[in-house]
C-alpha atoms as a PDB file:
ATOM      1  CA  MET A   1      34.216-142.894 248.069  1.00  0.00           C
ATOM      2  CA  VAL A   2      32.556-139.699 246.788  1.00  0.00           C
ATOM      3  CA  PRO A   3      28.751-139.102 247.133  1.00  0.00           C
ATOM      4  CA  GLU A   4      26.647-137.704 244.134  1.00  0.00           C
ATOM      5  CA  PRO A   5      25.984-133.295 244.593  1.00  0.00           C
ATOM      6  CA  THR A   6      23.116-134.135 246.447  1.00  0.00           C
ATOM      7  CA  GLY A   7      24.162-137.197 248.132  1.00  0.00           C
ATOM      8  CA  PRO A   8      25.594-137.445 252.023  1.00  0.00           C
ATOM      9  CA  ALA A   9      28.899-136.729 252.898  1.00  0.00           C
ATOM     10  CA  PRO A  10      32.088-138.428 251.259  1.00  0.00           C
ATOM     11  CA  ALA A  11      33.351-141.725 253.236  1.00  0.00           C
ATOM     12  CA  THR A  12      35.952-142.745 253.504  1.00  0.00           C
ATOM     13  CA  LEU A  13      37.291-146.324 253.750  1.00  0.00           C
ATOM     14  CA  THR A  14      41.120-147.165 254.482  1.00  0.00           C
ATOM     15  CA  LEU A  15      43.080-150.269 254.092  1.00  0.00           C
ATOM     16  CA  GLU A  16      46.566-150.664 255.523  1.00  0.00           C
ATOM     17  CA  THR A  17      48.822-153.697 253.652  1.00  0.00           C
ATOM     18  CA  THR A  18      52.576-154.081 253.594  1.00  0.00           C
ATOM     19  CA  ALA A  19      54.648-153.123 251.290  1.00  0.00           C
ATOM     20  CA  GLU A  20      55.898-156.914 250.928  1.00  0.00           C
ATOM     21  CA  ASP A  21      52.797-157.402 250.153  1.00  0.00           C
ATOM     22  CA  LEU A  22      51.670-154.926 247.285  1.00  0.00           C
ATOM     23  CA  LYS A  23      55.372-154.119 245.637  1.00  0.00           C
ATOM     24  CA  PRO A  24      55.608-157.372 243.584  1.00  0.00           C
ATOM     25  CA  LEU A  25      52.573-156.778 241.983  1.00  0.00           C
ATOM     26  CA  VAL A  26      52.901-153.233 241.546  1.00  0.00           C
ATOM     27  CA  GLU A  27      56.202-153.088 239.894  1.00  0.00           C
ATOM     28  CA  GLU A  28      55.443-156.088 237.772  1.00  0.00           C
ATOM     29  CA  ILE A  29      52.526-154.943 236.429  1.00  0.00           C
ATOM     30  CA  ARG A  30      54.259-151.274 235.053  1.00  0.00           C
ATOM     31  CA  GLU A  31      56.647-153.766 234.264  1.00  0.00           C
ATOM     32  CA  LEU A  32      54.224-155.099 231.431  1.00  0.00           C
ATOM     33  CA  ALA A  33      52.073-152.024 231.201  1.00  0.00           C
ATOM     34  CA  LEU A  34      55.662-150.713 229.018  1.00  0.00           C
ATOM     35  CA  LEU A  35      56.144-153.819 227.040  1.00  0.00           C
ATOM     36  CA  ARG A  36      55.353-153.325 223.461  1.00  0.00           C
ATOM     37  CA  PRO A  37      51.989-154.146 223.346  1.00  0.00           C
ATOM     38  CA  PRO A  38      49.353-156.636 222.992  1.00  0.00           C
ATOM     39  CA  ALA A  39      51.876-159.372 224.440  1.00  0.00           C
ATOM     40  CA  SER A  40      51.339-158.896 227.593  1.00  0.00           C
ATOM     41  CA  LEU A  41      48.204-158.235 228.169  1.00  0.00           C
ATOM     42  CA  GLY A  42      47.136-161.086 229.011  1.00  0.00           C
ATOM     43  CA  ARG A  43      49.363-160.816 232.008  1.00  0.00           C
ATOM     44  CA  ILE A  44      48.032-157.656 232.786  1.00  0.00           C
ATOM     45  CA  VAL A  45      44.855-158.522 232.903  1.00  0.00           C
ATOM     46  CA  ARG A  46      45.447-161.691 235.269  1.00  0.00           C
ATOM     47  CA  LEU A  47      47.201-158.781 237.551  1.00  0.00           C
ATOM     48  CA  GLY A  48      44.125-156.460 237.540  1.00  0.00           C
ATOM     49  CA  ASP A  49      42.447-159.255 238.788  1.00  0.00           C
ATOM     50  CA  ARG A  50      44.589-160.318 241.425  1.00  0.00           C
ATOM     51  CA  LEU A  51      44.651-156.943 242.650  1.00  0.00           C
ATOM     52  CA  GLY A  52      41.569-156.380 242.701  1.00  0.00           C
ATOM     53  CA  GLU A  53      41.004-158.911 244.684  1.00  0.00           C
ATOM     54  CA  VAL A  54      43.802-156.955 247.473  1.00  0.00           C
ATOM     55  CA  LEU A  55      42.407-153.421 247.207  1.00  0.00           C
ATOM     56  CA  LEU A  56      38.682-153.906 246.477  1.00  0.00           C
ATOM     57  CA  ALA A  57      37.164-157.215 247.610  1.00  0.00           C
ATOM     58  CA  PRO A  58      37.429-156.228 251.726  1.00  0.00           C
ATOM     59  CA  ALA A  59      35.366-153.695 250.763  1.00  0.00           C
ATOM     60  CA  ALA A  60      33.123-155.194 248.500  1.00  0.00           C
ATOM     61  CA  ASP A  61      29.890-154.615 250.537  1.00  0.00           C
ATOM     62  CA  ARG A  62      30.747-150.585 250.246  1.00  0.00           C
ATOM     63  CA  LEU A  63      31.739-149.955 246.782  1.00  0.00           C
ATOM     64  CA  GLY A  64      28.431-152.120 244.896  1.00  0.00           C
ATOM     65  CA  ASN A  65      26.957-148.276 244.355  1.00  0.00           C
ATOM     66  CA  VAL A  66      29.670-146.172 244.512  1.00  0.00           C
ATOM     67  CA  SER A  67      30.610-144.637 241.034  1.00  0.00           C
ATOM     68  CA  ARG A  68      33.442-142.099 242.477  1.00  0.00           C
ATOM     69  CA  LEU A  69      36.580-142.846 244.103  1.00  0.00           C
ATOM     70  CA  GLY A  70      38.617-140.560 245.409  1.00  0.00           C
ATOM     71  CA  LEU A  71      42.710-142.105 245.807  1.00  0.00           C
ATOM     72  CA  SER A  72      45.246-141.579 248.753  1.00  0.00           C
ATOM     73  CA  ALA A  73      47.779-143.505 247.930  1.00  0.00           C
ATOM     74  CA  ASN A  74      51.150-143.812 249.830  1.00  0.00           C
ATOM     75  CA  GLY A  75      54.575-146.179 249.255  1.00  0.00           C
ATOM     76  CA  PRO A  76      53.970-149.066 246.220  1.00  0.00           C
ATOM     77  CA  LEU A  77      50.917-147.638 245.818  1.00  0.00           C
ATOM     78  CA  SER A  78      51.891-144.101 244.634  1.00  0.00           C
ATOM     79  CA  ASP A  79      52.736-145.957 241.339  1.00  0.00           C
ATOM     80  CA  LEU A  80      50.068-148.346 240.998  1.00  0.00           C
ATOM     81  CA  PRO A  81      47.679-147.221 237.228  1.00  0.00           C
ATOM     82  CA  PHE A  82      44.715-147.755 238.971  1.00  0.00           C
ATOM     83  CA  GLY A  83      42.625-147.779 236.685  1.00  0.00           C
ATOM     84  CA  VAL A  84      44.087-150.836 235.489  1.00  0.00           C
ATOM     85  CA  VAL A  85      42.789-152.989 238.504  1.00  0.00           C
ATOM     86  CA  ARG A  86      39.749-155.044 237.458  1.00  0.00           C
ATOM     87  CA  ALA A  87      36.718-155.307 239.907  1.00  0.00           C
ATOM     88  CA  PRO A  88      35.817-158.480 241.497  1.00  0.00           C
ATOM     89  CA  ARG A  89      33.298-159.966 241.037  1.00  0.00           C
ATOM     90  CA  SER A  90      31.305-159.475 244.084  1.00  0.00           C
ATOM     91  CA  ILE A  91      31.789-155.265 242.262  1.00  0.00           C
ATOM     92  CA  ASP A  92      31.425-156.112 239.362  1.00  0.00           C
ATOM     93  CA  PRO A  93      30.031-159.224 237.250  1.00  0.00           C
ATOM     94  CA  GLN A  94      31.344-158.543 234.690  1.00  0.00           C
ATOM     95  CA  GLY A  95      35.039-157.821 235.777  1.00  0.00           C
ATOM     96  CA  ARG A  96      36.207-154.901 233.707  1.00  0.00           C
ATOM     97  CA  TYR A  97      38.973-152.862 234.679  1.00  0.00           C
ATOM     98  CA  LEU A  98      38.681-150.344 237.438  1.00  0.00           C
ATOM     99  CA  ILE A  99      37.860-146.795 234.881  1.00  0.00           C
ATOM    100  CA  GLU A 100      35.291-148.444 233.047  1.00  0.00           C
ATOM    101  CA  THR A 101      33.195-148.676 235.830  1.00  0.00           C
ATOM    102  CA  ARG A 102      33.797-145.490 238.435  1.00  0.00           C
ATOM    103  CA  THR A 103      35.291-142.189 237.793  1.00  0.00           C
ATOM    104  CA  LEU A 104      38.699-141.973 239.211  1.00  0.00           C
ATOM    105  CA  CYS A 105      40.260-138.710 240.956  1.00  0.00           C
ATOM    106  CA  TRP A 106      43.461-138.692 243.252  1.00  0.00           C
ATOM    107  CA  ILE A 107      43.531-136.391 246.418  1.00  0.00           C
ATOM    108  CA  ASP A 108      46.740-134.113 247.443  1.00  0.00           C
ATOM    109  CA  PRO A 109      45.882-130.740 249.600  1.00  0.00           C
ATOM    110  CA  ALA A 110      48.507-129.667 248.153  1.00  0.00           C
ATOM    111  CA  LEU A 111      46.263-128.520 245.108  1.00  0.00           C
ATOM    112  CA  GLY A 112      44.829-125.280 245.256  1.00  0.00           C
ATOM    113  CA  ASP A 113      46.439-123.317 248.090  1.00  0.00           C
ATOM    114  CA  GLY A 114      49.370-121.804 247.017  1.00  0.00           C
ATOM    115  CA  ASN A 115      50.624-118.641 246.406  1.00  0.00           C
ATOM    116  CA  ALA A 116      47.646-117.958 243.946  1.00  0.00           C
ATOM    117  CA  ALA A 117      45.364-118.238 246.059  1.00  0.00           C
ATOM    118  CA  ASP A 118      44.916-114.636 247.496  1.00  0.00           C
ATOM    119  CA  ARG A 119      45.052-113.194 243.947  1.00  0.00           C
ATOM    120  CA  PRO A 120      42.374-112.080 241.313  1.00  0.00           C
ATOM    121  CA  ALA A 121      41.739-114.134 238.782  1.00  0.00           C
ATOM    122  CA  SER A 122      42.843-112.047 235.402  1.00  0.00           C
ATOM    123  CA  ASP A 123      39.985-110.841 232.918  1.00  0.00           C
ATOM    124  CA  ARG A 124      42.564-112.172 229.757  1.00  0.00           C
ATOM    125  CA  PRO A 125      44.092-115.530 230.935  1.00  0.00           C
ATOM    126  CA  LEU A 126      45.384-117.788 227.973  1.00  0.00           C
ATOM    127  CA  ALA A 127      46.748-121.818 227.353  1.00  0.00           C
ATOM    128  CA  LEU A 128      50.525-121.515 227.875  1.00  0.00           C
ATOM    129  CA  ALA A 129      51.674-125.098 225.846  1.00  0.00           C
ATOM    130  CA  ILE A 130      55.547-126.081 225.901  1.00  0.00           C
ATOM    131  CA  ALA A 131      57.030-128.813 223.916  1.00  0.00           C
ATOM    132  CA  ASP A 132      60.092-130.094 223.258  1.00  0.00           C
ATOM    133  CA  ALA A 133      62.395-131.888 220.748  1.00  0.00           C
ATOM    134  CA  VAL A 134      65.354-132.453 222.086  1.00  0.00           C
ATOM    135  CA  TYR A 135      64.530-136.332 223.450  1.00  0.00           C
ATOM    136  CA  ARG A 136      66.836-139.380 223.672  1.00  0.00           C
ATOM    137  CA  PRO A 137      64.184-142.133 224.204  1.00  0.00           C
ATOM    138  CA  PRO A 138      64.420-145.616 225.541  1.00  0.00           C
ATOM    139  CA  ALA A 139      62.690-148.222 223.497  1.00  0.00           C
ATOM    140  CA  ARG A 140      58.713-147.484 223.884  1.00  0.00           C
ATOM    141  CA  PRO A 141      56.581-148.589 221.391  1.00  0.00           C
ATOM    142  CA  LEU A 142      56.368-147.730 218.176  1.00  0.00           C
ATOM    143  CA  GLY A 143      59.696-145.867 219.125  1.00  0.00           C
ATOM    144  CA  ALA A 144      61.919-147.852 216.666  1.00  0.00           C
ATOM    145  CA  SER A 145      59.945-145.212 213.946  1.00  0.00           C
ATOM    146  CA  MET A 146      59.844-142.150 215.387  1.00  0.00           C
ATOM    147  CA  SER A 147      63.756-141.796 215.961  1.00  0.00           C
ATOM    148  CA  ASP A 148      67.137-141.874 214.967  1.00  0.00           C
ATOM    149  CA  GLY A 149      68.984-142.303 218.826  1.00  0.00           C
ATOM    150  CA  GLY A 150      69.391-138.153 219.007  1.00  0.00           C
ATOM    151  CA  ILE A 151      66.929-136.055 217.724  1.00  0.00           C
ATOM    152  CA  SER A 152      63.460-137.079 216.537  1.00  0.00           C
ATOM    153  CA  TRP A 153      62.057-134.864 213.991  1.00  0.00           C
ATOM    154  CA  ARG A 154      58.853-136.581 214.529  1.00  0.00           C
ATOM    155  CA  ARG A 155      58.394-136.915 217.992  1.00  0.00           C
ATOM    156  CA  HIS A 156      58.958-133.142 217.951  1.00  0.00           C
ATOM    157  CA  ALA A 157      55.893-132.848 215.722  1.00  0.00           C
ATOM    158  CA  ALA A 158      53.786-134.845 217.836  1.00  0.00           C
ATOM    159  CA  ARG A 159      54.378-132.980 221.222  1.00  0.00           C
ATOM    160  CA  ARG A 160      53.959-130.108 218.829  1.00  0.00           C
ATOM    161  CA  ASN A 161      50.855-131.463 217.710  1.00  0.00           C
ATOM    162  CA  GLN A 162      49.914-133.011 221.498  1.00  0.00           C
ATOM    163  CA  ALA A 163      50.590-129.924 222.760  1.00  0.00           C
ATOM    164  CA  GLY A 164      48.469-127.638 220.245  1.00  0.00           C
ATOM    165  CA  THR A 165      45.569-129.680 221.672  1.00  0.00           C
ATOM    166  CA  ILE A 166      44.520-126.860 224.366  1.00  0.00           C
ATOM    167  CA  ARG A 167      43.473-124.473 221.640  1.00  0.00           C
ATOM    168  CA  ALA A 168      40.055-126.254 221.954  1.00  0.00           C
ATOM    169  CA  LEU A 169      39.558-124.830 225.448  1.00  0.00           C
ATOM    170  CA  GLY A 170      38.411-121.491 223.146  1.00  0.00           C
ATOM    171  CA  LEU A 171      41.593-119.121 225.120  1.00  0.00           C
ATOM    172  CA  PRO A 172      44.343-117.598 223.576  1.00  0.00           C
ATOM    173  CA  VAL A 173      47.569-119.840 223.510  1.00  0.00           C
ATOM    174  CA  VAL A 174      50.799-119.111 223.930  1.00  0.00           C
ATOM    175  CA  SER A 175      52.790-121.715 221.865  1.00  0.00           C
ATOM    176  CA  ARG A 176      56.944-121.860 222.652  1.00  0.00           C
ATOM    177  CA  PHE A 177      58.065-125.616 220.770  1.00  0.00           C
ATOM    178  CA  GLY A 178      61.645-126.741 219.803  1.00  0.00           C
ATOM    179  CA  GLN A 179      64.231-124.270 220.244  1.00  0.00           C
ATOM    180  CA  ALA A 180      61.171-122.246 222.032  1.00  0.00           C
ATOM    181  CA  ALA A 181      61.024-124.390 224.477  1.00  0.00           C
ATOM    182  CA  SER A 182      64.436-123.571 226.187  1.00  0.00           C
ATOM    183  CA  PRO A 183      64.442-122.942 229.997  1.00  0.00           C
ATOM    184  CA  ALA A 184      64.293-118.827 229.059  1.00  0.00           C
ATOM    185  CA  LEU A 185      61.903-118.357 227.091  1.00  0.00           C
ATOM    186  CA  PHE A 186      59.633-120.871 229.552  1.00  0.00           C
ATOM    187  CA  TRP A 187      60.263-118.408 232.054  1.00  0.00           C
ATOM    188  CA  GLU A 188      59.338-115.509 229.851  1.00  0.00           C
ATOM    189  CA  SER A 189      56.235-116.959 229.148  1.00  0.00           C
ATOM    190  CA  ALA A 190      54.995-117.706 232.597  1.00  0.00           C
ATOM    191  CA  GLU A 191      56.258-115.057 233.706  1.00  0.00           C
ATOM    192  CA  SER A 192      54.574-112.662 231.537  1.00  0.00           C
ATOM    193  CA  TYR A 193      50.737-113.746 231.066  1.00  0.00           C
ATOM    194  CA  ALA A 194      48.018-114.628 233.422  1.00  0.00           C
ATOM    195  CA  VAL A 195      48.362-118.951 232.266  1.00  0.00           C
ATOM    196  CA  ARG A 196      44.822-120.238 233.771  1.00  0.00           C
ATOM    197  CA  PHE A 197      46.491-124.132 231.431  1.00  0.00           C
ATOM    198  CA  LEU A 198      50.224-125.163 230.991  1.00  0.00           C
ATOM    199  CA  HIS A 199      50.786-127.736 229.376  1.00  0.00           C
ATOM    200  CA  LEU A 200      53.257-129.337 229.365  1.00  0.00           C
ATOM    201  CA  ALA A 201      54.370-132.075 226.363  1.00  0.00           C
ATOM    202  CA  VAL A 202      58.028-132.575 227.379  1.00  0.00           C
ATOM    203  CA  GLU A 203      59.786-134.846 229.716  1.00  0.00           C
ATOM    204  CA  ALA A 204      59.986-135.016 233.422  1.00  0.00           C
ATOM    205  CA  ARG A 205      61.747-137.029 235.926  1.00  0.00           C
ATOM    206  CA  ILE A 206      61.394-138.189 239.689  1.00  0.00           C
ATOM    207  CA  ASP A 207      64.379-138.082 241.390  1.00  0.00           C
ATOM    208  CA  PRO A 208      63.340-140.469 245.092  1.00  0.00           C
ATOM    209  CA  ALA A 209      66.578-139.426 246.588  1.00  0.00           C
ATOM    210  CA  ASN A 210      65.521-135.603 246.423  1.00  0.00           C
ATOM    211  CA  PRO A 211      62.644-134.210 245.385  1.00  0.00           C
ATOM    212  CA  ASP A 212      63.993-131.101 245.054  1.00  0.00           C
ATOM    213  CA  ARG A 213      65.568-132.474 242.149  1.00  0.00           C
ATOM    214  CA  SER A 214      63.282-133.539 240.263  1.00  0.00           C
ATOM    215  CA  ALA A 215      63.643-131.980 236.792  1.00  0.00           C
ATOM    216  CA  LEU A 216      61.570-130.802 233.508  1.00  0.00           C
ATOM    217  CA  LEU A 217      63.545-131.492 230.573  1.00  0.00           C
ATOM    218  CA  LEU A 218      63.483-128.459 228.629  1.00  0.00           C
ATOM    219  CA  SER A 219      64.987-127.792 225.165  1.00  0.00           C
ATOM    220  CA  PRO A 220      68.875-125.881 224.663  1.00  0.00           C
ATOM    221  CA  GLU A 221      69.901-123.594 221.974  1.00  0.00           C
ATOM    222  CA  ARG A 222      70.699-125.719 219.992  1.00  0.00           C
ATOM    223  CA  TYR A 223      69.482-129.325 218.969  1.00  0.00           C
ATOM    224  CA  ASP A 224      72.546-131.062 219.527  1.00  0.00           C
ATOM    225  CA  GLU A 225      73.307-130.254 222.634  1.00  0.00           C
ATOM    226  CA  GLN A 226      71.716-132.164 226.231  1.00  0.00           C
ATOM    227  CA  ALA A 227      68.194-130.813 226.892  1.00  0.00           C
ATOM    228  CA  ILE A 228      68.459-128.290 230.586  1.00  0.00           C
ATOM    229  CA  PRO A 229      67.264-129.611 233.327  1.00  0.00           C
ATOM    230  CA  VAL A 230      64.535-127.036 235.314  1.00  0.00           C
ATOM    231  CA  THR A 231      64.170-128.368 238.782  1.00  0.00           C
ATOM    232  CA  ALA A 232      61.275-128.572 241.036  1.00  0.00           C
ATOM    233  CA  GLY A 233      63.234-126.294 243.006  1.00  0.00           C
ATOM    234  CA  GLN A 234      62.873-123.716 240.977  1.00  0.00           C
ATOM    235  CA  LEU A 235      60.008-124.183 239.865  1.00  0.00           C
ATOM    236  CA  ALA A 236      58.524-123.526 243.564  1.00  0.00           C
ATOM    237  CA  SER A 237      60.798-120.543 243.747  1.00  0.00           C
ATOM    238  CA  ARG A 238      59.591-119.065 240.412  1.00  0.00           C
ATOM    239  CA  LEU A 239      56.642-119.791 239.245  1.00  0.00           C
ATOM    240  CA  ALA A 240      52.937-118.578 239.287  1.00  0.00           C
ATOM    241  CA  LEU A 241      49.712-119.357 237.905  1.00  0.00           C
ATOM    242  CA  GLU A 242      46.226-117.957 237.578  1.00  0.00           C
ATOM    243  CA  ARG A 243      44.581-119.228 240.904  1.00  0.00           C
ATOM    244  CA  ASP A 244      42.862-122.682 240.137  1.00  0.00           C
ATOM    245  CA  ALA A 245      45.149-123.478 236.509  1.00  0.00           C
ATOM    246  CA  LEU A 246      44.995-126.748 235.473  1.00  0.00           C
ATOM    247  CA  VAL A 247      48.280-127.768 234.865  1.00  0.00           C
ATOM    248  CA  VAL A 248      49.312-131.049 232.425  1.00  0.00           C
ATOM    249  CA  LEU A 249      52.340-132.686 232.610  1.00  0.00           C
ATOM    250  CA  SER A 250      52.231-135.531 229.672  1.00  0.00           C
ATOM    251  CA  GLY A 251      55.356-136.901 229.920  1.00  0.00           C
ATOM    252  CA  LEU A 252      56.412-137.918 233.672  1.00  0.00           C
ATOM    253  CA  ASP A 253      58.221-141.244 234.584  1.00  0.00           C
ATOM    254  CA  THR A 254      57.352-141.408 238.244  1.00  0.00           C
ATOM    255  CA  GLY A 255      60.089-144.723 237.457  1.00  0.00           C
ATOM    256  CA  GLY A 256      58.489-147.209 240.669  1.00  0.00           C
ATOM    257  CA  HIS A 257      60.226-145.022 242.992  1.00  0.00           C
ATOM    258  CA  GLY A 258      56.550-145.211 245.107  1.00  0.00           C
ATOM    259  CA  ILE A 259      56.371-141.295 245.167  1.00  0.00           C
ATOM    260  CA  GLY A 260      54.681-141.093 242.383  1.00  0.00           C
ATOM    261  CA  PRO A 261      54.277-137.079 240.868  1.00  0.00           C
ATOM    262  CA  GLY A 262      54.390-135.865 244.458  1.00  0.00           C
ATOM    263  CA  PRO A 263      56.816-133.728 244.236  1.00  0.00           C
ATOM    264  CA  PHE A 264      55.287-131.932 241.045  1.00  0.00           C
ATOM    265  CA  VAL A 265      51.835-132.261 242.504  1.00  0.00           C
ATOM    266  CA  GLU A 266      53.932-130.280 245.592  1.00  0.00           C
ATOM    267  CA  VAL A 267      55.537-128.024 243.221  1.00  0.00           C
ATOM    268  CA  PHE A 268      52.808-127.127 240.801  1.00  0.00           C
ATOM    269  CA  GLY A 269      50.167-126.292 243.994  1.00  0.00           C
ATOM    270  CA  ALA A 270      52.315-124.312 245.590  1.00  0.00           C
ATOM    271  CA  ALA A 271      52.317-122.165 241.948  1.00  0.00           C
ATOM    272  CA  GLY A 272      48.431-121.902 241.838  1.00  0.00           C
ATOM    273  CA  ALA A 273      47.408-125.217 240.247  1.00  0.00           C
ATOM    274  CA  GLY A 274      43.684-126.291 241.827  1.00  0.00           C
ATOM    275  CA  SER A 275      43.529-129.600 238.811  1.00  0.00           C
ATOM    276  CA  LEU A 276      47.226-131.757 237.834  1.00  0.00           C
ATOM    277  CA  VAL A 277      47.065-133.903 235.368  1.00  0.00           C
ATOM    278  CA  ALA A 278      50.481-136.479 234.732  1.00  0.00           C
ATOM    279  CA  SER A 279      51.202-139.570 233.933  1.00  0.00           C
ATOM    280  CA  LEU A 280      53.132-142.654 235.447  1.00  0.00           C
ATOM    281  CA  TRP A 281      56.010-142.805 232.758  1.00  0.00           C
ATOM    282  CA  PRO A 282      56.273-141.213 229.765  1.00  0.00           C
ATOM    283  CA  VAL A 283      53.659-142.331 226.860  1.00  0.00           C
ATOM    284  CA  VAL A 284      53.933-142.479 222.933  1.00  0.00           C
ATOM    285  CA  ASP A 285      53.122-138.716 221.802  1.00  0.00           C
ATOM    286  CA  GLU A 286      50.942-139.827 219.451  1.00  0.00           C
ATOM    287  CA  SER A 287      47.988-141.370 221.395  1.00  0.00           C
ATOM    288  CA  ALA A 288      49.009-138.349 223.807  1.00  0.00           C
ATOM    289  CA  THR A 289      47.434-136.578 221.182  1.00  0.00           C
ATOM    290  CA  HIS A 290      44.580-137.978 220.287  1.00  0.00           C
ATOM    291  CA  LEU A 291      44.126-138.376 224.408  1.00  0.00           C
ATOM    292  CA  PHE A 292      44.216-134.642 225.191  1.00  0.00           C
ATOM    293  CA  ALA A 293      42.164-133.207 221.781  1.00  0.00           C
ATOM    294  CA  ALA A 294      39.619-136.088 223.503  1.00  0.00           C
ATOM    295  CA  PHE A 295      40.383-134.403 226.968  1.00  0.00           C
ATOM    296  CA  TYR A 296      40.212-130.824 225.852  1.00  0.00           C
ATOM    297  CA  SER A 297      36.739-130.810 223.758  1.00  0.00           C
ATOM    298  CA  LYS A 298      35.417-131.961 226.797  1.00  0.00           C
ATOM    299  CA  LEU A 299      36.150-129.370 228.821  1.00  0.00           C
ATOM    300  CA  THR A 300      34.948-127.125 226.664  1.00  0.00           C
ATOM    301  CA  GLN A 301      31.554-128.981 226.386  1.00  0.00           C
ATOM    302  CA  GLY A 302      31.528-128.134 230.360  1.00  0.00           C
ATOM    303  CA  ALA A 303      32.587-131.362 231.892  1.00  0.00           C
ATOM    304  CA  THR A 304      35.020-131.504 235.000  1.00  0.00           C
ATOM    305  CA  PRO A 305      38.841-131.751 234.472  1.00  0.00           C
ATOM    306  CA  VAL A 306      37.849-135.424 236.875  1.00  0.00           C
ATOM    307  CA  ALA A 307      34.973-136.361 234.206  1.00  0.00           C
ATOM    308  CA  ALA A 308      37.003-135.474 231.116  1.00  0.00           C
ATOM    309  CA  LEU A 309      40.250-136.916 231.689  1.00  0.00           C
ATOM    310  CA  ARG A 310      38.136-140.446 232.054  1.00  0.00           C
ATOM    311  CA  GLU A 311      36.122-139.846 229.220  1.00  0.00           C
ATOM    312  CA  ALA A 312      39.439-139.478 226.983  1.00  0.00           C
ATOM    313  CA  GLN A 313      41.261-142.558 228.275  1.00  0.00           C
ATOM    314  CA  ARG A 314      37.962-144.079 227.684  1.00  0.00           C
ATOM    315  CA  ARG A 315      38.025-143.296 224.170  1.00  0.00           C
ATOM    316  CA  LEU A 316      41.336-144.890 223.610  1.00  0.00           C
ATOM    317  CA  MET A 317      40.202-148.372 224.677  1.00  0.00           C
ATOM    318  CA  THR A 318      37.390-148.541 222.754  1.00  0.00           C
ATOM    319  CA  GLU A 319      37.954-146.495 219.600  1.00  0.00           C
ATOM    320  CA  PRO A 320      41.135-146.906 217.189  1.00  0.00           C
ATOM    321  CA  LEU A 321      43.596-144.285 216.227  1.00  0.00           C
ATOM    322  CA  ARG A 322      45.024-143.063 212.874  1.00  0.00           C
ATOM    323  CA  PHE A 323      48.259-142.378 212.786  1.00  0.00           C
ATOM    324  CA  GLU A 324      49.590-139.433 210.121  1.00  0.00           C
ATOM    325  CA  GLN A 325      52.696-141.273 208.392  1.00  0.00           C
ATOM    326  CA  GLY A 326      53.800-137.982 206.954  1.00  0.00           C
ATOM    327  CA  GLU A 327      53.959-136.420 203.111  1.00  0.00           C
ATOM    328  CA  GLY A 328      53.876-139.145 201.040  1.00  0.00           C
ATOM    329  CA  ARG A 329      53.060-142.030 203.480  1.00  0.00           C
ATOM    330  CA  GLN A 330      49.848-143.865 204.238  1.00  0.00           C
ATOM    331  CA  PRO A 331      47.869-143.353 207.639  1.00  0.00           C
ATOM    332  CA  VAL A 332      47.861-146.080 209.707  1.00  0.00           C
ATOM    333  CA  ASP A 333      45.221-147.367 211.867  1.00  0.00           C
ATOM    334  CA  PHE A 334      46.198-147.927 215.278  1.00  0.00           C
ATOM    335  CA  ASP A 335      44.640-149.865 218.237  1.00  0.00           C
ATOM    336  CA  ALA A 336      45.221-147.929 221.521  1.00  0.00           C
ATOM    337  CA  SER A 337      43.220-150.260 223.840  1.00  0.00           C
ATOM    338  CA  HIS A 338      46.323-151.329 225.941  1.00  0.00           C
ATOM    339  CA  PRO A 339      46.650-149.840 229.214  1.00  0.00           C
ATOM    340  CA  TYR A 340      49.773-148.630 227.626  1.00  0.00           C
ATOM    341  CA  TYR A 341      48.379-145.884 226.104  1.00  0.00           C
ATOM    342  CA  TRP A 342      45.899-145.156 229.303  1.00  0.00           C
ATOM    343  CA  ALA A 343      45.917-146.426 232.517  1.00  0.00           C
ATOM    344  CA  GLY A 344      48.985-144.484 233.371  1.00  0.00           C
ATOM    345  CA  TYR A 345      46.749-140.822 233.344  1.00  0.00           C
ATOM    346  CA  ARG A 346      45.959-139.346 236.647  1.00  0.00           C
ATOM    347  CA  LEU A 347      43.927-136.342 237.609  1.00  0.00           C
ATOM    348  CA  TYR A 348      44.976-134.771 241.394  1.00  0.00           C
ATOM    349  CA  ARG A 349      42.390-132.544 243.264  1.00  0.00           C
ATOM    350  CA  ARG A 350      43.107-131.034 246.935  1.00  0.00           C
ATOM    351  CA  SER A 351      39.687-132.773 248.563  1.00  0.00           C
ATOM    352  CA  THR A 352      37.111-135.629 247.459  1.00  0.00           C
ATOM    353  CA  ASN A 353      34.576-132.674 247.162  1.00  0.00           C
ATOM    354  CA  ASP A 354      36.714-131.232 244.133  1.00  0.00           C
ATOM    355  CA  CYS A 355      36.299-134.828 242.167  1.00  0.00           C
ATOM    356  CA  GLY A 356      32.855-133.923 240.752  1.00  0.00           C
END
């Protein structure tokens, strides 16, 4: 439980339960979150209520007036989108999603303690935006209209727009889109500049059997070839960011393996990152563009990364989105309140004291 700046020290609540109790619930709610909205919404709400009773009700007397929670979980809970847990009536009479009533921050000591710790911050930092066009997606909401089964040019444009929202920070931006998002050009950019913000609008996958083989999928030199993996092991050995850099990994697929984004938290923490935003599943790129436009806008207004992400998520829940269909086609207004679009994002910090 994270106190207000003038409040007492953080208080720790520990919940111990068995994987057998929780794993089926976590797996089902993740599967439902990936179904075409809004068909699965009622079941998600019911599962959210059940998880609230299991996870929150035992601590209801301690959580009533707490507005910020620092979370750390292992096993199946590593893959639980905690934002969709619904507060029991003993905590919130309206029974809302946890993200509506609390600021959530994931804790991982690997952040802010890497090889950038002893380097002075550059007086010429920049933002590096990487967006990969080469991607053969599984079925996703809206996916059928965005992919021809091979290269998706609309998906490329959506990822370019998503990564482009980093310009709201007001820093110089180095962009690597499409074929320029190849491993060679990624390394050239990362090693040539003082990168304080790194936005990766690419697919990334977790390998539970060998976390060092978890990888970002970057562009090949030819669009008709397969994407090229850049493994966590390669990132750990070569990547160096500005001290306390912010990394956004918007397309991570943790695959329900019960380890969450852990391998990438460790890698980017070692590279110098103080904050990491990661998704638990690949999200439609157009909705991610809206979310990160709001996220970076809030950062420029002085919000902390934790608060900025929460406000961006709540905006998706309450405001319809407008998707541009391209020249000669009418834009589409779209309801992004379904948890698929917002619940999979987490922000990681090193300690509860960093979760303001």
